Amino acid sequence: MRWPIWLTLLIICLDLSILLSIWASLGNLATVVTAAILAISTIFFYRATSLTIEIDSERLIAGRANIEIAYLKRVEILSEEEMSFHRGAGINPQAFLALRFWVKGGLKIEIADPRDPTPFWLVSSENPARFAEKLNL
């Protein structure tokens, strides 16, 4: 999951406003250097904030975390309101969160590993029904 177009345009507008203020106060050379820094940092953050979810026959990988499918207990598809609750007032500090604020839906995946203190994973998903179907629990 990558940034939506509206967020990308917002970041570009912010970059341009920074460039305009640098150009107005410091001139062309500082603007060119700042433009290069902003372009590199924007591309870096675009790639760094993407969330990759992979499911195969043995493992679920969400971002940098992974777990064997055998340790997954139950999958619950969450509505926008339920996701909002779990991200806000109902947040569990022990849960693993793979969230992106621009994605409204997601899944709550309960963990059945007695050695793992994590009660569940909360994962953002643009298509939670398809995600749950792929897990097939």
N, C-alpha and C. Protein backbone atom coordinates (compact mmCIF):
# COMPACT_ATOMS: atom_id res chain seq x y z
N MET A 1 0.85 -1.17 0.00
CA MET A 1 0.00 0.00 0.00
C MET A 1 0.89 1.23 0.00
N ARG A 2 0.70 2.04 -0.96
CA ARG A 2 1.47 3.28 -1.07
C ARG A 2 0.56 4.48 -0.86
N TRP A 3 1.17 5.67 -0.81
CA TRP A 3 0.40 6.89 -0.61
C TRP A 3 -0.69 7.03 -1.68
N PRO A 4 -1.85 7.52 -1.29
CA PRO A 4 -2.87 7.83 -2.30
C PRO A 4 -2.48 9.11 -3.04
N ILE A 5 -3.12 9.35 -4.16
CA ILE A 5 -2.77 10.49 -5.00
C ILE A 5 -2.95 11.82 -4.26
N TRP A 6 -3.98 11.93 -3.42
CA TRP A 6 -4.20 13.19 -2.71
C TRP A 6 -3.06 13.50 -1.75
N LEU A 7 -2.51 12.46 -1.11
CA LEU A 7 -1.40 12.68 -0.19
C LEU A 7 -0.12 13.01 -0.95
N THR A 8 0.07 12.36 -2.08
CA THR A 8 1.23 12.65 -2.92
C THR A 8 1.19 14.11 -3.40
N LEU A 9 0.02 14.56 -3.84
CA LEU A 9 -0.11 15.95 -4.29
C LEU A 9 0.11 16.93 -3.13
N LEU A 10 -0.37 16.59 -1.95
CA LEU A 10 -0.16 17.44 -0.78
C LEU A 10 1.33 17.58 -0.46
N ILE A 11 2.05 16.48 -0.48
CA ILE A 11 3.49 16.50 -0.21
C ILE A 11 4.23 17.32 -1.26
N ILE A 12 3.84 17.16 -2.52
CA ILE A 12 4.47 17.95 -3.60
C ILE A 12 4.21 19.44 -3.40
N CYS A 13 2.99 19.78 -3.02
CA CYS A 13 2.68 21.20 -2.75
C CYS A 13 3.48 21.73 -1.58
N LEU A 14 3.65 20.95 -0.55
CA LEU A 14 4.48 21.37 0.58
C LEU A 14 5.93 21.56 0.15
N ASP A 15 6.44 20.63 -0.65
CA ASP A 15 7.80 20.77 -1.17
C ASP A 15 7.95 22.04 -1.99
N LEU A 16 6.97 22.32 -2.83
CA LEU A 16 7.03 23.53 -3.66
C LEU A 16 6.96 24.80 -2.81
N SER A 17 6.19 24.79 -1.74
CA SER A 17 6.13 25.98 -0.88
C SER A 17 7.46 26.19 -0.17
N ILE A 18 8.12 25.11 0.21
CA ILE A 18 9.46 25.24 0.81
C ILE A 18 10.44 25.80 -0.22
N LEU A 19 10.37 25.28 -1.43
CA LEU A 19 11.27 25.78 -2.49
C LEU A 19 11.04 27.26 -2.77
N LEU A 20 9.79 27.69 -2.80
CA LEU A 20 9.48 29.10 -3.04
C LEU A 20 10.05 29.98 -1.94
N SER A 21 9.92 29.57 -0.70
CA SER A 21 10.45 30.38 0.40
C SER A 21 11.97 30.41 0.39
N ILE A 22 12.61 29.29 0.03
CA ILE A 22 14.08 29.26 -0.07
C ILE A 22 14.54 30.15 -1.22
N TRP A 23 13.86 30.06 -2.36
CA TRP A 23 14.23 30.88 -3.51
C TRP A 23 14.09 32.37 -3.20
N ALA A 24 12.99 32.75 -2.54
CA ALA A 24 12.75 34.16 -2.24
C ALA A 24 13.78 34.73 -1.26
N SER A 25 14.25 33.89 -0.36
CA SER A 25 15.17 34.42 0.65
C SER A 25 16.64 34.16 0.35
N LEU A 26 16.99 33.08 -0.33
CA LEU A 26 18.40 32.72 -0.49
C LEU A 26 18.88 32.64 -1.94
N GLY A 27 17.98 32.63 -2.92
CA GLY A 27 18.41 32.64 -4.31
C GLY A 27 18.40 31.29 -4.99
N ASN A 28 18.95 31.27 -6.21
CA ASN A 28 18.86 30.10 -7.09
C ASN A 28 19.68 28.89 -6.63
N LEU A 29 20.91 29.09 -6.22
CA LEU A 29 21.77 27.97 -5.84
C LEU A 29 21.19 27.21 -4.65
N ALA A 30 20.76 27.93 -3.64
CA ALA A 30 20.15 27.28 -2.47
C ALA A 30 18.87 26.55 -2.85
N THR A 31 18.13 27.10 -3.81
CA THR A 31 16.89 26.46 -4.25
C THR A 31 17.17 25.14 -4.96
N VAL A 32 18.20 25.11 -5.80
CA VAL A 32 18.55 23.89 -6.51
C VAL A 32 18.99 22.80 -5.53
N VAL A 33 19.81 23.18 -4.56
CA VAL A 33 20.27 22.22 -3.55
C VAL A 33 19.08 21.71 -2.73
N THR A 34 18.20 22.62 -2.33
CA THR A 34 17.01 22.24 -1.56
C THR A 34 16.09 21.34 -2.38
N ALA A 35 15.94 21.64 -3.67
CA ALA A 35 15.09 20.83 -4.55
C ALA A 35 15.62 19.39 -4.62
N ALA A 36 16.92 19.24 -4.71
CA ALA A 36 17.52 17.90 -4.76
C ALA A 36 17.27 17.16 -3.44
N ILE A 37 17.46 17.84 -2.33
CA ILE A 37 17.25 17.23 -1.02
C ILE A 37 15.78 16.84 -0.83
N LEU A 38 14.88 17.73 -1.22
CA LEU A 38 13.45 17.44 -1.09
C LEU A 38 13.02 16.29 -1.99
N ALA A 39 13.53 16.23 -3.20
CA ALA A 39 13.17 15.15 -4.11
C ALA A 39 13.64 13.81 -3.56
N ILE A 40 14.87 13.76 -3.09
CA ILE A 40 15.41 12.51 -2.54
C ILE A 40 14.64 12.09 -1.29
N SER A 41 14.37 13.04 -0.40
CA SER A 41 13.67 12.69 0.83
C SER A 41 12.22 12.29 0.57
N THR A 42 11.56 12.93 -0.38
CA THR A 42 10.18 12.57 -0.71
C THR A 42 10.12 11.16 -1.29
N ILE A 43 11.02 10.82 -2.18
CA ILE A 43 11.07 9.47 -2.76
C ILE A 43 11.38 8.45 -1.67
N PHE A 44 12.33 8.78 -0.79
CA PHE A 44 12.67 7.87 0.30
C PHE A 44 11.46 7.59 1.18
N PHE A 45 10.76 8.64 1.61
CA PHE A 45 9.60 8.45 2.49
C PHE A 45 8.43 7.77 1.78
N TYR A 46 8.29 8.00 0.49
CA TYR A 46 7.26 7.31 -0.29
C TYR A 46 7.49 5.80 -0.24
N ARG A 47 8.74 5.40 -0.40
CA ARG A 47 9.06 3.97 -0.39
C ARG A 47 9.07 3.41 1.03
N ALA A 48 9.56 4.19 2.00
CA ALA A 48 9.69 3.70 3.37
C ALA A 48 8.34 3.53 4.06
N THR A 49 7.35 4.32 3.68
CA THR A 49 6.05 4.25 4.34
C THR A 49 5.08 3.30 3.66
N SER A 50 5.49 2.65 2.59
CA SER A 50 4.60 1.68 1.95
C SER A 50 4.52 0.44 2.83
N LEU A 51 3.40 -0.23 2.79
CA LEU A 51 3.20 -1.44 3.58
C LEU A 51 3.02 -2.61 2.63
N THR A 52 3.91 -3.57 2.75
CA THR A 52 3.84 -4.76 1.92
C THR A 52 3.28 -5.91 2.77
N ILE A 53 2.26 -6.56 2.25
CA ILE A 53 1.65 -7.71 2.92
C ILE A 53 1.78 -8.91 1.99
N GLU A 54 2.37 -9.98 2.51
CA GLU A 54 2.55 -11.20 1.73
C GLU A 54 1.97 -12.37 2.50
N ILE A 55 1.29 -13.24 1.79
CA ILE A 55 0.73 -14.46 2.39
C ILE A 55 1.13 -15.63 1.50
N ASP A 56 1.76 -16.62 2.10
CA ASP A 56 1.99 -17.86 1.36
C ASP A 56 1.43 -19.02 2.19
N SER A 57 1.75 -20.23 1.84
CA SER A 57 1.15 -21.38 2.53
C SER A 57 1.63 -21.52 3.97
N GLU A 58 2.74 -20.90 4.32
CA GLU A 58 3.29 -21.07 5.66
C GLU A 58 3.35 -19.80 6.50
N ARG A 59 3.44 -18.63 5.89
CA ARG A 59 3.71 -17.41 6.64
C ARG A 59 2.83 -16.24 6.20
N LEU A 60 2.62 -15.35 7.17
CA LEU A 60 2.02 -14.05 6.90
C LEU A 60 3.10 -13.02 7.20
N ILE A 61 3.36 -12.16 6.24
CA ILE A 61 4.36 -11.10 6.40
C ILE A 61 3.66 -9.77 6.21
N ALA A 62 3.77 -8.91 7.22
CA ALA A 62 3.20 -7.56 7.16
C ALA A 62 4.30 -6.58 7.53
N GLY A 63 4.82 -5.89 6.52
CA GLY A 63 5.95 -5.01 6.77
C GLY A 63 7.17 -5.83 7.12
N ARG A 64 7.79 -5.53 8.28
CA ARG A 64 8.98 -6.27 8.70
C ARG A 64 8.66 -7.44 9.63
N ALA A 65 7.41 -7.61 9.99
CA ALA A 65 7.02 -8.68 10.90
C ALA A 65 6.50 -9.89 10.12
N ASN A 66 6.70 -11.07 10.68
CA ASN A 66 6.16 -12.26 10.04
C ASN A 66 5.78 -13.27 11.12
N ILE A 67 4.83 -14.12 10.78
CA ILE A 67 4.35 -15.14 11.69
C ILE A 67 3.89 -16.33 10.86
N GLU A 68 4.04 -17.51 11.43
CA GLU A 68 3.57 -18.71 10.75
C GLU A 68 2.05 -18.75 10.80
N ILE A 69 1.44 -19.20 9.71
CA ILE A 69 -0.02 -19.29 9.61
C ILE A 69 -0.58 -20.19 10.72
N ALA A 70 0.18 -21.19 11.14
CA ALA A 70 -0.29 -22.11 12.18
C ALA A 70 -0.59 -21.40 13.49
N TYR A 71 0.02 -20.25 13.74
CA TYR A 71 -0.18 -19.52 14.99
C TYR A 71 -1.28 -18.47 14.91
N LEU A 72 -1.98 -18.43 13.81
CA LEU A 72 -3.09 -17.48 13.68
C LEU A 72 -4.37 -18.17 14.11
N LYS A 73 -5.13 -17.49 14.95
CA LYS A 73 -6.32 -18.09 15.53
C LYS A 73 -7.58 -17.71 14.77
N ARG A 74 -7.83 -16.41 14.69
CA ARG A 74 -9.09 -15.93 14.10
C ARG A 74 -8.82 -14.61 13.40
N VAL A 75 -9.53 -14.40 12.31
CA VAL A 75 -9.41 -13.16 11.55
C VAL A 75 -10.76 -12.46 11.58
N GLU A 76 -10.74 -11.18 11.93
CA GLU A 76 -11.97 -10.39 11.97
C GLU A 76 -11.81 -9.19 11.03
N ILE A 77 -12.73 -9.07 10.10
CA ILE A 77 -12.74 -7.92 9.20
C ILE A 77 -13.34 -6.74 9.96
N LEU A 78 -12.61 -5.63 9.98
CA LEU A 78 -13.04 -4.45 10.73
C LEU A 78 -13.57 -3.37 9.80
N SER A 79 -14.67 -2.77 10.21
CA SER A 79 -15.21 -1.63 9.47
C SER A 79 -14.37 -0.39 9.77
N GLU A 80 -14.68 0.68 9.10
CA GLU A 80 -13.97 1.94 9.31
C GLU A 80 -14.10 2.40 10.77
N GLU A 81 -15.28 2.25 11.36
CA GLU A 81 -15.50 2.66 12.75
C GLU A 81 -14.73 1.78 13.72
N GLU A 82 -14.71 0.48 13.46
CA GLU A 82 -13.98 -0.44 14.34
C GLU A 82 -12.47 -0.20 14.25
N MET A 83 -11.97 0.04 13.05
CA MET A 83 -10.55 0.35 12.90
C MET A 83 -10.22 1.64 13.64
N SER A 84 -11.08 2.62 13.52
CA SER A 84 -10.87 3.89 14.21
C SER A 84 -10.82 3.68 15.72
N PHE A 85 -11.70 2.83 16.24
CA PHE A 85 -11.70 2.55 17.67
C PHE A 85 -10.40 1.89 18.10
N HIS A 86 -9.95 0.86 17.35
CA HIS A 86 -8.73 0.13 17.72
C HIS A 86 -7.48 0.98 17.55
N ARG A 87 -7.52 1.98 16.70
CA ARG A 87 -6.38 2.89 16.54
C ARG A 87 -6.39 3.99 17.59
N GLY A 88 -7.55 4.23 18.20
CA GLY A 88 -7.69 5.34 19.13
C GLY A 88 -7.95 4.87 20.55
N ALA A 89 -9.18 5.04 21.00
CA ALA A 89 -9.54 4.76 22.39
C ALA A 89 -9.34 3.30 22.77
N GLY A 90 -9.52 2.39 21.87
CA GLY A 90 -9.42 0.97 22.17
C GLY A 90 -8.07 0.36 21.87
N ILE A 91 -7.05 1.18 21.74
CA ILE A 91 -5.73 0.66 21.35
C ILE A 91 -5.17 -0.25 22.44
N ASN A 92 -4.57 -1.33 22.01
CA ASN A 92 -3.93 -2.27 22.92
C ASN A 92 -2.42 -2.12 22.74
N PRO A 93 -1.69 -1.70 23.78
CA PRO A 93 -0.25 -1.46 23.62
C PRO A 93 0.55 -2.72 23.31
N GLN A 94 -0.01 -3.89 23.56
CA GLN A 94 0.71 -5.13 23.25
C GLN A 94 0.48 -5.62 21.82
N ALA A 95 -0.48 -5.07 21.14
CA ALA A 95 -0.81 -5.51 19.78
C ALA A 95 0.25 -5.04 18.79
N PHE A 96 0.41 -5.83 17.73
CA PHE A 96 1.27 -5.42 16.62
C PHE A 96 0.42 -4.60 15.66
N LEU A 97 0.89 -3.41 15.32
CA LEU A 97 0.13 -2.51 14.46
C LEU A 97 0.87 -2.30 13.14
N ALA A 98 0.24 -2.66 12.06
CA ALA A 98 0.74 -2.39 10.71
C ALA A 98 -0.31 -1.52 10.05
N LEU A 99 -0.28 -0.24 10.40
CA LEU A 99 -1.34 0.69 10.00
C LEU A 99 -0.82 1.76 9.06
N ARG A 100 -1.70 2.20 8.19
CA ARG A 100 -1.46 3.37 7.36
C ARG A 100 -2.69 4.24 7.50
N PHE A 101 -2.50 5.50 7.88
CA PHE A 101 -3.65 6.35 8.21
C PHE A 101 -4.55 6.62 7.02
N TRP A 102 -4.06 6.48 5.83
CA TRP A 102 -4.88 6.76 4.65
C TRP A 102 -5.73 5.56 4.23
N VAL A 103 -5.57 4.42 4.88
CA VAL A 103 -6.38 3.23 4.61
C VAL A 103 -7.37 3.07 5.75
N LYS A 104 -8.65 3.07 5.45
CA LYS A 104 -9.68 3.09 6.50
C LYS A 104 -10.04 1.71 7.02
N GLY A 105 -9.99 0.67 6.20
CA GLY A 105 -10.39 -0.66 6.62
C GLY A 105 -9.20 -1.51 7.02
N GLY A 106 -9.51 -2.69 7.57
CA GLY A 106 -8.43 -3.58 7.94
C GLY A 106 -8.90 -4.83 8.61
N LEU A 107 -7.94 -5.54 9.19
CA LEU A 107 -8.19 -6.82 9.84
C LEU A 107 -7.61 -6.85 11.24
N LYS A 108 -8.28 -7.59 12.09
CA LYS A 108 -7.75 -7.92 13.41
C LYS A 108 -7.48 -9.41 13.38
N ILE A 109 -6.21 -9.78 13.51
CA ILE A 109 -5.79 -11.17 13.41
C ILE A 109 -5.32 -11.63 14.78
N GLU A 110 -6.07 -12.51 15.41
CA GLU A 110 -5.72 -12.99 16.75
C GLU A 110 -4.60 -14.03 16.66
N ILE A 111 -3.71 -13.98 17.64
CA ILE A 111 -2.54 -14.86 17.68
C ILE A 111 -2.79 -15.98 18.70
N ALA A 112 -2.45 -17.21 18.32
CA ALA A 112 -2.67 -18.38 19.18
C ALA A 112 -1.37 -18.97 19.71
N ASP A 113 -0.29 -18.23 19.67
CA ASP A 113 1.00 -18.72 20.15
C ASP A 113 1.14 -18.39 21.64
N PRO A 114 1.21 -19.39 22.53
CA PRO A 114 1.29 -19.10 23.96
C PRO A 114 2.61 -18.42 24.36
N ARG A 115 3.63 -18.52 23.55
CA ARG A 115 4.92 -17.87 23.86
C ARG A 115 4.95 -16.42 23.42
N ASP A 116 4.02 -16.02 22.60
CA ASP A 116 4.00 -14.66 22.05
C ASP A 116 3.08 -13.77 22.90
N PRO A 117 3.60 -12.68 23.47
CA PRO A 117 2.76 -11.80 24.28
C PRO A 117 1.82 -10.93 23.45
N THR A 118 1.98 -10.95 22.14
CA THR A 118 1.13 -10.15 21.27
C THR A 118 -0.24 -10.80 21.13
N PRO A 119 -1.32 -10.12 21.56
CA PRO A 119 -2.64 -10.75 21.49
C PRO A 119 -3.20 -10.80 20.07
N PHE A 120 -2.89 -9.77 19.27
CA PHE A 120 -3.40 -9.73 17.90
C PHE A 120 -2.59 -8.76 17.06
N TRP A 121 -2.76 -8.91 15.76
CA TRP A 121 -2.20 -7.97 14.80
C TRP A 121 -3.35 -7.14 14.27
N LEU A 122 -3.13 -5.85 14.15
CA LEU A 122 -4.09 -4.95 13.52
C LEU A 122 -3.42 -4.46 12.24
N VAL A 123 -3.99 -4.85 11.10
CA VAL A 123 -3.36 -4.61 9.80
C VAL A 123 -4.29 -3.83 8.90
N SER A 124 -3.82 -2.70 8.37
CA SER A 124 -4.59 -1.94 7.39
C SER A 124 -4.66 -2.72 6.09
N SER A 125 -5.81 -2.63 5.43
CA SER A 125 -5.96 -3.30 4.15
C SER A 125 -6.99 -2.56 3.31
N GLU A 126 -6.67 -2.36 2.05
CA GLU A 126 -7.61 -1.71 1.13
C GLU A 126 -8.73 -2.67 0.74
N ASN A 127 -8.47 -3.96 0.84
CA ASN A 127 -9.47 -4.98 0.52
C ASN A 127 -9.43 -6.06 1.60
N PRO A 128 -9.98 -5.78 2.79
CA PRO A 128 -9.87 -6.74 3.90
C PRO A 128 -10.57 -8.07 3.64
N ALA A 129 -11.65 -8.09 2.89
CA ALA A 129 -12.35 -9.35 2.62
C ALA A 129 -11.46 -10.30 1.82
N ARG A 130 -10.78 -9.78 0.82
CA ARG A 130 -9.89 -10.61 0.01
C ARG A 130 -8.69 -11.08 0.83
N PHE A 131 -8.19 -10.20 1.70
CA PHE A 131 -7.08 -10.53 2.59
C PHE A 131 -7.49 -11.68 3.52
N ALA A 132 -8.67 -11.60 4.13
CA ALA A 132 -9.16 -12.63 5.03
C ALA A 132 -9.37 -13.95 4.28
N GLU A 133 -9.86 -13.85 3.06
CA GLU A 133 -10.07 -15.06 2.24
C GLU A 133 -8.75 -15.75 1.95
N LYS A 134 -7.70 -14.97 1.69
CA LYS A 134 -6.39 -15.55 1.41
C LYS A 134 -5.82 -16.25 2.65
N LEU A 135 -6.11 -15.69 3.84
CA LEU A 135 -5.65 -16.34 5.07
C LEU A 135 -6.38 -17.65 5.31
N ASN A 136 -7.66 -17.70 4.95
CA ASN A 136 -8.46 -18.92 4.97
C ASN A 136 -8.39 -19.65 6.31
N LEU A 137 -8.72 -18.93 7.39
CA LEU A 137 -8.70 -19.56 8.74
C LEU A 137 -10.09 -20.02 9.11
